[in-house]
Every structure is written in C-alpha cells, then in structure tokens.
Amino acid sequence: MTPSRSTICTAHRLARLVAWTGIALSWFAMLLFAGTPPASPRRLKRFGFLSLDDLARMVRSLIVIRAAQLASVPAKRARTLRNFAPAGFARRLRPRQIARSFAGSRLRRALRA
C-alpha cells in the first residue's frame, strides 16, 4: 500500500493558524484604532512582537496555501525503477553491494589479463 502524499499543512493545523491570524489581526486593528493601549499586560506580551509586515506575510502565506489546496496539482509520479534482472539475482544494488561489485569487476579484469 502506498502512503498518501502529505499536504503542506493539515486541515486542523490550517484552521488553527487561520483562527490565530484572525485574532492577531483583530488585536492589531484594536491597537491601531483605539485611543488607549490595552490594560492587559498578558496580551501585550503575547502579541507585542507582531508587526504589520509579519501579519501581511502571514496573510499572504495563508492565501498561497489555500490557492495550492484549491488548485490541487496532481502529485508528481515517482520514477519507476526498471527491473530486468533474472530471477534469483539482486533486483537493486545497495550501496554496500555496489562497492563489492566494483571490486569484483576489477578482480575479474586483473585475472583475465
């Protein structure tokens, strides 16, 4: 069973991010249009580090994520490895086997000469 391709952001995480961004935008708007700053130091500590540039970047990122979800570009198909080895032989070489096969080919070449 092939696992499904993971999304950029799960639906639950995206919903939480949208809610948090809405709260931060409303708080920032309250600060801009209110005559006095909020009396709660806890809220100042929580949202005090935000700037208008940060909020604009967050909204832009949410728009891009939503557009990517709506576009739903199909996943790029994984490159299939062709398997022409006869039964009983290793189908794909592991890194350890590559070094061993290289050493074996050099040995055979040396014995032939």
PDB file of N, CA and C in Angstrom:
ATOM      1  N   MET A   1       0.837  -1.173   0.000  1.00  0.00           N
ATOM      2  CA  MET A   1       0.000   0.000   0.000  1.00  0.00           C
ATOM      3  C   MET A   1       0.887   1.244   0.000  1.00  0.00           C
ATOM      4  N   THR A   2       0.657   2.133  -0.927  1.00  0.00           N
ATOM      5  CA  THR A   2       1.464   3.347  -0.988  1.00  0.00           C
ATOM      6  C   THR A   2       0.866   4.407  -0.071  1.00  0.00           C
ATOM      7  N   PRO A   3       1.708   5.079   0.696  1.00  0.00           N
ATOM      8  CA  PRO A   3       1.172   6.119   1.574  1.00  0.00           C
ATOM      9  C   PRO A   3       0.720   7.319   0.763  1.00  0.00           C
ATOM     10  N   SER A   4      -0.289   8.014   1.277  1.00  0.00           N
ATOM     11  CA  SER A   4      -0.779   9.187   0.577  1.00  0.00           C
ATOM     12  C   SER A   4       0.212  10.327   0.729  1.00  0.00           C
ATOM     13  N   ARG A   5       0.216  11.196  -0.240  1.00  0.00           N
ATOM     14  CA  ARG A   5       1.144  12.313  -0.216  1.00  0.00           C
ATOM     15  C   ARG A   5       0.708  13.299   0.855  1.00  0.00           C
ATOM     16  N   SER A   6       1.645  13.721   1.689  1.00  0.00           N
ATOM     17  CA  SER A   6       1.291  14.649   2.748  1.00  0.00           C
ATOM     18  C   SER A   6       1.083  16.043   2.169  1.00  0.00           C
ATOM     19  N   THR A   7       0.215  16.790   2.801  1.00  0.00           N
ATOM     20  CA  THR A   7      -0.068  18.134   2.343  1.00  0.00           C
ATOM     21  C   THR A   7       0.896  19.111   3.004  1.00  0.00           C
ATOM     22  N   ILE A   8       0.854  20.337   2.554  1.00  0.00           N
ATOM     23  CA  ILE A   8       1.702  21.370   3.134  1.00  0.00           C
ATOM     24  C   ILE A   8       1.345  21.563   4.593  1.00  0.00           C
ATOM     25  N   CYS A   9       0.059  21.587   4.853  1.00  0.00           N
ATOM     26  CA  CYS A   9      -0.424  21.859   6.200  1.00  0.00           C
ATOM     27  C   CYS A   9      -1.712  21.056   6.380  1.00  0.00           C
ATOM     28  N   THR A  10      -1.849  20.348   7.489  1.00  0.00           N
ATOM     29  CA  THR A  10      -3.059  19.563   7.703  1.00  0.00           C
ATOM     30  C   THR A  10      -4.244  20.510   7.882  1.00  0.00           C
ATOM     31  N   ALA A  11      -5.433  19.985   7.702  1.00  0.00           N
ATOM     32  CA  ALA A  11      -6.635  20.812   7.788  1.00  0.00           C
ATOM     33  C   ALA A  11      -6.796  21.403   9.185  1.00  0.00           C
ATOM     34  N   HIS A  12      -6.530  20.592  10.197  1.00  0.00           N
ATOM     35  CA  HIS A  12      -6.672  21.072  11.574  1.00  0.00           C
ATOM     36  C   HIS A  12      -5.654  22.172  11.883  1.00  0.00           C
ATOM     37  N   ARG A  13      -4.414  21.966  11.474  1.00  0.00           N
ATOM     38  CA  ARG A  13      -3.366  22.958  11.720  1.00  0.00           C
ATOM     39  C   ARG A  13      -3.656  24.247  10.954  1.00  0.00           C
ATOM     40  N   LEU A  14      -4.168  24.115   9.724  1.00  0.00           N
ATOM     41  CA  LEU A  14      -4.507  25.296   8.942  1.00  0.00           C
ATOM     42  C   LEU A  14      -5.648  26.068   9.586  1.00  0.00           C
ATOM     43  N   ALA A  15      -6.645  25.356  10.109  1.00  0.00           N
ATOM     44  CA  ALA A  15      -7.761  26.022  10.781  1.00  0.00           C
ATOM     45  C   ALA A  15      -7.273  26.769  12.025  1.00  0.00           C
ATOM     46  N   ARG A  16      -6.372  26.158  12.779  1.00  0.00           N
ATOM     47  CA  ARG A  16      -5.825  26.832  13.957  1.00  0.00           C
ATOM     48  C   ARG A  16      -5.022  28.056  13.565  1.00  0.00           C
ATOM     49  N   LEU A  17      -4.260  27.961  12.486  1.00  0.00           N
ATOM     50  CA  LEU A  17      -3.454  29.083  12.023  1.00  0.00           C
ATOM     51  C   LEU A  17      -4.328  30.228  11.536  1.00  0.00           C
ATOM     52  N   VAL A  18      -5.418  29.902  10.857  1.00  0.00           N
ATOM     53  CA  VAL A  18      -6.349  30.928  10.386  1.00  0.00           C
ATOM     54  C   VAL A  18      -7.010  31.614  11.582  1.00  0.00           C
ATOM     55  N   ALA A  19      -7.415  30.831  12.586  1.00  0.00           N
ATOM     56  CA  ALA A  19      -8.040  31.417  13.774  1.00  0.00           C
ATOM     57  C   ALA A  19      -7.054  32.324  14.510  1.00  0.00           C
ATOM     58  N   TRP A  20      -5.827  31.862  14.662  1.00  0.00           N
ATOM     59  CA  TRP A  20      -4.827  32.673  15.366  1.00  0.00           C
ATOM     60  C   TRP A  20      -4.540  33.955  14.602  1.00  0.00           C
ATOM     61  N   THR A  21      -4.460  33.864  13.277  1.00  0.00           N
ATOM     62  CA  THR A  21      -4.197  35.051  12.469  1.00  0.00           C
ATOM     63  C   THR A  21      -5.353  36.037  12.574  1.00  0.00           C
ATOM     64  N   GLY A  22      -6.588  35.521  12.596  1.00  0.00           N
ATOM     65  CA  GLY A  22      -7.747  36.402  12.755  1.00  0.00           C
ATOM     66  C   GLY A  22      -7.729  37.129  14.090  1.00  0.00           C
ATOM     67  N   ILE A  23      -7.367  36.415  15.147  1.00  0.00           N
ATOM     68  CA  ILE A  23      -7.282  37.039  16.466  1.00  0.00           C
ATOM     69  C   ILE A  23      -6.177  38.095  16.479  1.00  0.00           C
ATOM     70  N   ALA A  24      -5.029  37.772  15.899  1.00  0.00           N
ATOM     71  CA  ALA A  24      -3.922  38.721  15.875  1.00  0.00           C
ATOM     72  C   ALA A  24      -4.276  39.954  15.049  1.00  0.00           C
ATOM     73  N   LEU A  25      -4.969  39.772  13.922  1.00  0.00           N
ATOM     74  CA  LEU A  25      -5.370  40.916  13.104  1.00  0.00           C
ATOM     75  C   LEU A  25      -6.373  41.795  13.831  1.00  0.00           C
ATOM     76  N   SER A  26      -7.327  41.159  14.510  1.00  0.00           N
ATOM     77  CA  SER A  26      -8.312  41.959  15.244  1.00  0.00           C
ATOM     78  C   SER A  26      -7.644  42.708  16.397  1.00  0.00           C
ATOM     79  N   TRP A  27      -6.689  42.091  17.062  1.00  0.00           N
ATOM     80  CA  TRP A  27      -5.986  42.754  18.159  1.00  0.00           C
ATOM     81  C   TRP A  27      -5.159  43.917  17.623  1.00  0.00           C
ATOM     82  N   PHE A  28      -4.512  43.697  16.481  1.00  0.00           N
ATOM     83  CA  PHE A  28      -3.710  44.759  15.882  1.00  0.00           C
ATOM     84  C   PHE A  28      -4.592  45.914  15.435  1.00  0.00           C
ATOM     85  N   ALA A  29      -5.773  45.614  14.875  1.00  0.00           N
ATOM     86  CA  ALA A  29      -6.709  46.665  14.475  1.00  0.00           C
ATOM     87  C   ALA A  29      -7.204  47.417  15.701  1.00  0.00           C
ATOM     88  N   MET A  30      -7.442  46.718  16.795  1.00  0.00           N
ATOM     89  CA  MET A  30      -7.871  47.370  18.027  1.00  0.00           C
ATOM     90  C   MET A  30      -6.796  48.343  18.503  1.00  0.00           C
ATOM     91  N   LEU A  31      -5.531  47.940  18.405  1.00  0.00           N
ATOM     92  CA  LEU A  31      -4.449  48.830  18.817  1.00  0.00           C
ATOM     93  C   LEU A  31      -4.361  50.063  17.925  1.00  0.00           C
ATOM     94  N   LEU A  32      -4.577  49.868  16.617  1.00  0.00           N
ATOM     95  CA  LEU A  32      -4.451  50.992  15.696  1.00  0.00           C
ATOM     96  C   LEU A  32      -5.565  52.014  15.871  1.00  0.00           C
ATOM     97  N   PHE A  33      -6.785  51.526  16.121  1.00  0.00           N
ATOM     98  CA  PHE A  33      -7.935  52.425  16.137  1.00  0.00           C
ATOM     99  C   PHE A  33      -8.411  52.788  17.538  1.00  0.00           C
ATOM    100  N   ALA A  34      -7.837  52.205  18.563  1.00  0.00           N
ATOM    101  CA  ALA A  34      -8.231  52.547  19.930  1.00  0.00           C
ATOM    102  C   ALA A  34      -7.432  53.754  20.398  1.00  0.00           C
ATOM    103  N   GLY A  35      -8.051  54.533  21.280  1.00  0.00           N
ATOM    104  CA  GLY A  35      -7.364  55.708  21.793  1.00  0.00           C
ATOM    105  C   GLY A  35      -6.330  55.355  22.837  1.00  0.00           C
ATOM    106  N   THR A  36      -6.576  54.318  23.617  1.00  0.00           N
ATOM    107  CA  THR A  36      -5.659  53.936  24.688  1.00  0.00           C
ATOM    108  C   THR A  36      -5.163  52.518  24.456  1.00  0.00           C
ATOM    109  N   PRO A  37      -3.969  52.213  24.899  1.00  0.00           N
ATOM    110  CA  PRO A  37      -3.475  50.839  24.750  1.00  0.00           C
ATOM    111  C   PRO A  37      -4.218  49.883  25.682  1.00  0.00           C
ATOM    112  N   PRO A  38      -4.209  48.597  25.378  1.00  0.00           N
ATOM    113  CA  PRO A  38      -4.916  47.640  26.239  1.00  0.00           C
ATOM    114  C   PRO A  38      -4.287  47.592  27.631  1.00  0.00           C
ATOM    115  N   ALA A  39      -5.142  47.361  28.620  1.00  0.00           N
ATOM    116  CA  ALA A  39      -4.677  47.353  30.005  1.00  0.00           C
ATOM    117  C   ALA A  39      -4.064  46.015  30.402  1.00  0.00           C
ATOM    118  N   SER A  40      -4.265  44.993  29.588  1.00  0.00           N
ATOM    119  CA  SER A  40      -3.793  43.663  29.955  1.00  0.00           C
ATOM    120  C   SER A  40      -2.332  43.473  29.529  1.00  0.00           C
ATOM    121  N   PRO A  41      -1.415  43.339  30.481  1.00  0.00           N
ATOM    122  CA  PRO A  41      -0.012  43.111  30.092  1.00  0.00           C
ATOM    123  C   PRO A  41       0.208  41.727  29.477  1.00  0.00           C
ATOM    124  N   ARG A  42      -0.688  40.801  29.792  1.00  0.00           N
ATOM    125  CA  ARG A  42      -0.563  39.463  29.224  1.00  0.00           C
ATOM    126  C   ARG A  42      -0.758  39.500  27.706  1.00  0.00           C
ATOM    127  N   ARG A  43      -1.730  40.280  27.269  1.00  0.00           N
ATOM    128  CA  ARG A  43      -1.959  40.393  25.826  1.00  0.00           C
ATOM    129  C   ARG A  43      -0.824  41.155  25.145  1.00  0.00           C
ATOM    130  N   LEU A  44      -0.289  42.154  25.823  1.00  0.00           N
ATOM    131  CA  LEU A  44       0.852  42.854  25.251  1.00  0.00           C
ATOM    132  C   LEU A  44       2.045  41.925  25.095  1.00  0.00           C
ATOM    133  N   LYS A  45       2.215  41.027  26.065  1.00  0.00           N
ATOM    134  CA  LYS A  45       3.322  40.072  25.981  1.00  0.00           C
ATOM    135  C   LYS A  45       3.092  39.073  24.844  1.00  0.00           C
ATOM    136  N   ARG A  46       1.832  38.683  24.653  1.00  0.00           N
ATOM    137  CA  ARG A  46       1.526  37.676  23.643  1.00  0.00           C
ATOM    138  C   ARG A  46       1.626  38.229  22.229  1.00  0.00           C
ATOM    139  N   PHE A  47       1.073  39.410  22.000  1.00  0.00           N
ATOM    140  CA  PHE A  47       1.023  39.957  20.645  1.00  0.00           C
ATOM    141  C   PHE A  47       1.965  41.133  20.442  1.00  0.00           C
ATOM    142  N   GLY A  48       2.759  41.470  21.425  1.00  0.00           N
ATOM    143  CA  GLY A  48       3.609  42.646  21.331  1.00  0.00           C
ATOM    144  C   GLY A  48       4.709  42.526  20.296  1.00  0.00           C
ATOM    145  N   PHE A  49       5.105  41.327  19.946  1.00  0.00           N
ATOM    146  CA  PHE A  49       6.203  41.139  18.992  1.00  0.00           C
ATOM    147  C   PHE A  49       5.739  41.243  17.546  1.00  0.00           C
ATOM    148  N   LEU A  50       4.432  41.298  17.307  1.00  0.00           N
ATOM    149  CA  LEU A  50       3.920  41.332  15.939  1.00  0.00           C
ATOM    150  C   LEU A  50       4.116  42.699  15.312  1.00  0.00           C
ATOM    151  N   SER A  51       4.340  42.688  14.046  1.00  0.00           N
ATOM    152  CA  SER A  51       4.388  43.934  13.287  1.00  0.00           C
ATOM    153  C   SER A  51       3.428  43.799  12.111  1.00  0.00           C
ATOM    154  N   LEU A  52       3.170  44.901  11.474  1.00  0.00           N
ATOM    155  CA  LEU A  52       2.268  44.872  10.327  1.00  0.00           C
ATOM    156  C   LEU A  52       2.863  44.055   9.186  1.00  0.00           C
ATOM    157  N   ASP A  53       4.178  44.081   9.038  1.00  0.00           N
ATOM    158  CA  ASP A  53       4.834  43.281   7.998  1.00  0.00           C
ATOM    159  C   ASP A  53       4.685  41.789   8.268  1.00  0.00           C
ATOM    160  N   ASP A  54       4.811  41.396   9.541  1.00  0.00           N
ATOM    161  CA  ASP A  54       4.645  39.988   9.894  1.00  0.00           C
ATOM    162  C   ASP A  54       3.231  39.504   9.598  1.00  0.00           C
ATOM    163  N   LEU A  55       2.243  40.338   9.946  1.00  0.00           N
ATOM    164  CA  LEU A  55       0.858  39.945   9.688  1.00  0.00           C
ATOM    165  C   LEU A  55       0.560  39.895   8.192  1.00  0.00           C
ATOM    166  N   ALA A  56       1.120  40.825   7.442  1.00  0.00           N
ATOM    167  CA  ALA A  56       0.910  40.805   5.990  1.00  0.00           C
ATOM    168  C   ALA A  56       1.526  39.554   5.374  1.00  0.00           C
ATOM    169  N   ARG A  57       2.727  39.171   5.843  1.00  0.00           N
ATOM    170  CA  ARG A  57       3.368  37.956   5.343  1.00  0.00           C
ATOM    171  C   ARG A  57       2.555  36.718   5.708  1.00  0.00           C
ATOM    172  N   MET A  58       1.972  36.701   6.926  1.00  0.00           N
ATOM    173  CA  MET A  58       1.162  35.558   7.345  1.00  0.00           C
ATOM    174  C   MET A  58      -0.097  35.434   6.488  1.00  0.00           C
ATOM    175  N   VAL A  59      -0.756  36.556   6.229  1.00  0.00           N
ATOM    176  CA  VAL A  59      -1.962  36.524   5.393  1.00  0.00           C
ATOM    177  C   VAL A  59      -1.604  36.083   3.981  1.00  0.00           C
ATOM    178  N   ARG A  60      -0.495  36.581   3.446  1.00  0.00           N
ATOM    179  CA  ARG A  60      -0.056  36.183   2.111  1.00  0.00           C
ATOM    180  C   ARG A  60       0.239  34.682   2.060  1.00  0.00           C
ATOM    181  N   SER A  61       0.869  34.163   3.106  1.00  0.00           N
ATOM    182  CA  SER A  61       1.166  32.731   3.144  1.00  0.00           C
ATOM    183  C   SER A  61      -0.116  31.901   3.208  1.00  0.00           C
ATOM    184  N   LEU A  62      -1.082  32.357   3.991  1.00  0.00           N
ATOM    185  CA  LEU A  62      -2.352  31.634   4.068  1.00  0.00           C
ATOM    186  C   LEU A  62      -3.067  31.639   2.721  1.00  0.00           C
ATOM    187  N   ILE A  63      -2.995  32.753   2.001  1.00  0.00           N
ATOM    188  CA  ILE A  63      -3.624  32.822   0.677  1.00  0.00           C
ATOM    189  C   ILE A  63      -2.945  31.853  -0.281  1.00  0.00           C
ATOM    190  N   VAL A  64      -1.627  31.772  -0.239  1.00  0.00           N
ATOM    191  CA  VAL A  64      -0.899  30.870  -1.138  1.00  0.00           C
ATOM    192  C   VAL A  64      -1.206  29.412  -0.796  1.00  0.00           C
ATOM    193  N   ILE A  65      -1.269  29.084   0.487  1.00  0.00           N
ATOM    194  CA  ILE A  65      -1.580  27.712   0.896  1.00  0.00           C
ATOM    195  C   ILE A  65      -2.977  27.330   0.426  1.00  0.00           C
ATOM    196  N   ARG A  66      -3.931  28.238   0.610  1.00  0.00           N
ATOM    197  CA  ARG A  66      -5.306  27.943   0.187  1.00  0.00           C
ATOM    198  C   ARG A  66      -5.394  27.813  -1.332  1.00  0.00           C
ATOM    199  N   ALA A  67      -4.659  28.655  -2.057  1.00  0.00           N
ATOM    200  CA  ALA A  67      -4.668  28.555  -3.518  1.00  0.00           C
ATOM    201  C   ALA A  67      -4.072  27.226  -3.981  1.00  0.00           C
ATOM    202  N   ALA A  68      -3.031  26.781  -3.279  1.00  0.00           N
ATOM    203  CA  ALA A  68      -2.431  25.487  -3.630  1.00  0.00           C
ATOM    204  C   ALA A  68      -3.403  24.346  -3.353  1.00  0.00           C
ATOM    205  N   GLN A  69      -4.182  24.472  -2.278  1.00  0.00           N
ATOM    206  CA  GLN A  69      -5.181  23.437  -1.993  1.00  0.00           C
ATOM    207  C   GLN A  69      -6.282  23.429  -3.045  1.00  0.00           C
ATOM    208  N   LEU A  70      -6.713  24.614  -3.463  1.00  0.00           N
ATOM    209  CA  LEU A  70      -7.776  24.676  -4.467  1.00  0.00           C
ATOM    210  C   LEU A  70      -7.293  24.217  -5.832  1.00  0.00           C
ATOM    211  N   ALA A  71      -6.038  24.506  -6.164  1.00  0.00           N
ATOM    212  CA  ALA A  71      -5.506  24.095  -7.456  1.00  0.00           C
ATOM    213  C   ALA A  71      -5.341  22.585  -7.513  1.00  0.00           C
ATOM    214  N   SER A  72      -5.009  21.994  -6.390  1.00  0.00           N
ATOM    215  CA  SER A  72      -4.798  20.542  -6.247  1.00  0.00           C
ATOM    216  C   SER A  72      -3.999  19.969  -7.413  1.00  0.00           C
ATOM    217  N   VAL A  73      -2.796  20.442  -7.554  1.00  0.00           N
ATOM    218  CA  VAL A  73      -1.889  19.954  -8.583  1.00  0.00           C
ATOM    219  C   VAL A  73      -1.612  18.479  -8.305  1.00  0.00           C
ATOM    220  N   PRO A  74      -1.757  17.626  -9.302  1.00  0.00           N
ATOM    221  CA  PRO A  74      -1.508  16.206  -9.046  1.00  0.00           C
ATOM    222  C   PRO A  74      -0.059  15.958  -8.649  1.00  0.00           C
ATOM    223  N   ALA A  75       0.117  14.968  -7.826  1.00  0.00           N
ATOM    224  CA  ALA A  75       1.455  14.632  -7.341  1.00  0.00           C
ATOM    225  C   ALA A  75       2.315  14.128  -8.496  1.00  0.00           C
ATOM    226  N   LYS A  76       3.567  14.480  -8.457  1.00  0.00           N
ATOM    227  CA  LYS A  76       4.496  14.024  -9.481  1.00  0.00           C
ATOM    228  C   LYS A  76       4.756  12.535  -9.264  1.00  0.00           C
ATOM    229  N   ARG A  77       4.642  11.781 -10.325  1.00  0.00           N
ATOM    230  CA  ARG A  77       4.828  10.341 -10.199  1.00  0.00           C
ATOM    231  C   ARG A  77       6.279  10.011  -9.901  1.00  0.00           C
ATOM    232  N   ALA A  78       6.458   9.082  -9.010  1.00  0.00           N
ATOM    233  CA  ALA A  78       7.809   8.645  -8.683  1.00  0.00           C
ATOM    234  C   ALA A  78       8.381   7.879  -9.870  1.00  0.00           C
ATOM    235  N   ARG A  79       9.641   8.035 -10.089  1.00  0.00           N
ATOM    236  CA  ARG A  79      10.293   7.347 -11.200  1.00  0.00           C
ATOM    237  C   ARG A  79      10.353   5.864 -10.888  1.00  0.00           C
ATOM    238  N   THR A  80       9.808   5.063 -11.767  1.00  0.00           N
ATOM    239  CA  THR A  80       9.810   3.625 -11.547  1.00  0.00           C
ATOM    240  C   THR A  80      11.146   3.051 -11.987  1.00  0.00           C
ATOM    241  N   LEU A  81      11.711   2.233 -11.137  1.00  0.00           N
ATOM    242  CA  LEU A  81      12.973   1.579 -11.475  1.00  0.00           C
ATOM    243  C   LEU A  81      12.665   0.338 -12.297  1.00  0.00           C
ATOM    244  N   ARG A  82      13.276   0.233 -13.420  1.00  0.00           N
ATOM    245  CA  ARG A  82      13.031  -0.931 -14.269  1.00  0.00           C
ATOM    246  C   ARG A  82      13.782  -2.120 -13.707  1.00  0.00           C
ATOM    247  N   ASN A  83      13.150  -3.246 -13.817  1.00  0.00           N
ATOM    248  CA  ASN A  83      13.680  -4.434 -13.190  1.00  0.00           C
ATOM    249  C   ASN A  83      13.876  -5.504 -14.264  1.00  0.00           C
ATOM    250  N   PHE A  84      15.085  -5.589 -14.798  1.00  0.00           N
ATOM    251  CA  PHE A  84      15.359  -6.560 -15.849  1.00  0.00           C
ATOM    252  C   PHE A  84      16.234  -7.706 -15.359  1.00  0.00           C
ATOM    253  N   ALA A  85      16.482  -7.768 -14.073  1.00  0.00           N
ATOM    254  CA  ALA A  85      17.348  -8.827 -13.548  1.00  0.00           C
ATOM    255  C   ALA A  85      16.599 -10.151 -13.572  1.00  0.00           C
ATOM    256  N   PRO A  86      17.275 -11.234 -13.937  1.00  0.00           N
ATOM    257  CA  PRO A  86      16.603 -12.534 -13.910  1.00  0.00           C
ATOM    258  C   PRO A  86      16.316 -12.967 -12.474  1.00  0.00           C
ATOM    259  N   ALA A  87      15.419 -13.921 -12.338  1.00  0.00           N
ATOM    260  CA  ALA A  87      15.032 -14.390 -11.018  1.00  0.00           C
ATOM    261  C   ALA A  87      16.252 -14.934 -10.284  1.00  0.00           C
ATOM    262  N   GLY A  88      16.363 -14.629  -9.018  1.00  0.00           N
ATOM    263  CA  GLY A  88      17.468 -15.100  -8.212  1.00  0.00           C
ATOM    264  C   GLY A  88      18.591 -14.101  -8.064  1.00  0.00           C
ATOM    265  N   PHE A  89      18.596 -13.068  -8.881  1.00  0.00           N
ATOM    266  CA  PHE A  89      19.628 -12.049  -8.782  1.00  0.00           C
ATOM    267  C   PHE A  89      19.088 -10.845  -8.004  1.00  0.00           C
ATOM    268  N   ALA A  90      20.001 -10.086  -7.471  1.00  0.00           N
ATOM    269  CA  ALA A  90      19.583  -8.899  -6.715  1.00  0.00           C
ATOM    270  C   ALA A  90      18.897  -7.924  -7.660  1.00  0.00           C
ATOM    271  N   ARG A  91      17.757  -7.432  -7.242  1.00  0.00           N
ATOM    272  CA  ARG A  91      16.995  -6.531  -8.111  1.00  0.00           C
ATOM    273  C   ARG A  91      17.613  -5.133  -8.147  1.00  0.00           C
ATOM    274  N   ARG A  92      17.979  -4.630  -6.999  1.00  0.00           N
ATOM    275  CA  ARG A  92      18.623  -3.321  -6.934  1.00  0.00           C
ATOM    276  C   ARG A  92      19.858  -3.439  -6.078  1.00  0.00           C
ATOM    277  N   LEU A  93      20.872  -2.741  -6.460  1.00  0.00           N
ATOM    278  CA  LEU A  93      22.113  -2.806  -5.703  1.00  0.00           C
ATOM    279  C   LEU A  93      22.066  -1.829  -4.530  1.00  0.00           C
ATOM    280  N   ARG A  94      22.401  -2.340  -3.370  1.00  0.00           N
ATOM    281  CA  ARG A  94      22.519  -1.480  -2.202  1.00  0.00           C
ATOM    282  C   ARG A  94      23.925  -0.880  -2.209  1.00  0.00           C
ATOM    283  N   PRO A  95      24.155   0.221  -1.473  1.00  0.00           N
ATOM    284  CA  PRO A  95      25.484   0.853  -1.509  1.00  0.00           C
ATOM    285  C   PRO A  95      26.619  -0.107  -1.146  1.00  0.00           C
ATOM    286  N   ARG A  96      26.393  -1.007  -0.214  1.00  0.00           N
ATOM    287  CA  ARG A  96      27.426  -1.970   0.167  1.00  0.00           C
ATOM    288  C   ARG A  96      27.710  -2.917  -1.000  1.00  0.00           C
ATOM    289  N   GLN A  97      26.679  -3.273  -1.736  1.00  0.00           N
ATOM    290  CA  GLN A  97      26.859  -4.200  -2.856  1.00  0.00           C
ATOM    291  C   GLN A  97      27.531  -3.529  -4.050  1.00  0.00           C
ATOM    292  N   ILE A  98      27.352  -2.222  -4.173  1.00  0.00           N
ATOM    293  CA  ILE A  98      27.980  -1.512  -5.287  1.00  0.00           C
ATOM    294  C   ILE A  98      29.499  -1.572  -5.155  1.00  0.00           C
ATOM    295  N   ALA A  99      30.002  -1.340  -3.935  1.00  0.00           N
ATOM    296  CA  ALA A  99      31.452  -1.403  -3.712  1.00  0.00           C
ATOM    297  C   ALA A  99      31.970  -2.819  -3.950  1.00  0.00           C
ATOM    298  N   ARG A 100      31.203  -3.807  -3.513  1.00  0.00           N
ATOM    299  CA  ARG A 100      31.627  -5.195  -3.699  1.00  0.00           C
ATOM    300  C   ARG A 100      31.629  -5.570  -5.177  1.00  0.00           C
ATOM    301  N   SER A 101      30.639  -5.119  -5.929  1.00  0.00           N
ATOM    302  CA  SER A 101      30.592  -5.451  -7.359  1.00  0.00           C
ATOM    303  C   SER A 101      31.713  -4.728  -8.113  1.00  0.00           C
ATOM    304  N   PHE A 102      32.027  -3.509  -7.695  1.00  0.00           N
ATOM    305  CA  PHE A 102      33.128  -2.785  -8.318  1.00  0.00           C
ATOM    306  C   PHE A 102      34.451  -3.511  -8.071  1.00  0.00           C
ATOM    307  N   ALA A 103      34.663  -3.964  -6.824  1.00  0.00           N
ATOM    308  CA  ALA A 103      35.893  -4.693  -6.501  1.00  0.00           C
ATOM    309  C   ALA A 103      35.950  -6.019  -7.261  1.00  0.00           C
ATOM    310  N   GLY A 104      34.813  -6.700  -7.409  1.00  0.00           N
ATOM    311  CA  GLY A 104      34.761  -7.962  -8.140  1.00  0.00           C
ATOM    312  C   GLY A 104      35.072  -7.782  -9.611  1.00  0.00           C
ATOM    313  N   SER A 105      34.568  -6.702 -10.206  1.00  0.00           N
ATOM    314  CA  SER A 105      34.845  -6.476 -11.632  1.00  0.00           C
ATOM    315  C   SER A 105      36.322  -6.162 -11.851  1.00  0.00           C
ATOM    316  N   ARG A 106      36.916  -5.416 -10.923  1.00  0.00           N
ATOM    317  CA  ARG A 106      38.350  -5.126 -11.034  1.00  0.00           C
ATOM    318  C   ARG A 106      39.173  -6.411 -10.887  1.00  0.00           C
ATOM    319  N   LEU A 107      38.751  -7.297  -9.985  1.00  0.00           N
ATOM    320  CA  LEU A 107      39.455  -8.560  -9.773  1.00  0.00           C
ATOM    321  C   LEU A 107      39.362  -9.447 -11.013  1.00  0.00           C
ATOM    322  N   ARG A 108      38.176  -9.544 -11.594  1.00  0.00           N
ATOM    323  CA  ARG A 108      37.999 -10.352 -12.804  1.00  0.00           C
ATOM    324  C   ARG A 108      38.845  -9.810 -13.951  1.00  0.00           C
ATOM    325  N   ARG A 109      38.881  -8.495 -14.096  1.00  0.00           N
ATOM    326  CA  ARG A 109      39.681  -7.874 -15.132  1.00  0.00           C
ATOM    327  C   ARG A 109      41.165  -8.167 -14.916  1.00  0.00           C
ATOM    328  N   ALA A 110      41.593  -8.139 -13.657  1.00  0.00           N
ATOM    329  CA  ALA A 110      43.007  -8.406 -13.357  1.00  0.00           C
ATOM    330  C   ALA A 110      43.359  -9.873 -13.616  1.00  0.00           C
ATOM    331  N   LEU A 111      42.436 -10.776 -13.321  1.00  0.00           N
ATOM    332  CA  LEU A 111      42.699 -12.208 -13.545  1.00  0.00           C
ATOM    333  C   LEU A 111      42.713 -12.548 -15.031  1.00  0.00           C
ATOM    334  N   ARG A 112      41.919 -11.839 -15.825  1.00  0.00           N
ATOM    335  CA  ARG A 112      41.887 -12.086 -17.253  1.00  0.00           C
ATOM    336  C   ARG A 112      43.178 -11.637 -17.941  1.00  0.00           C
ATOM    337  N   ALA A 113      43.788 -10.615 -17.449  1.00  0.00           N
ATOM    338  CA  ALA A 113      44.970 -10.072 -18.094  1.00  0.00           C
ATOM    339  C   ALA A 113      46.229 -10.879 -17.827  1.00  0.00           C
TER     340      ALA A 113
END
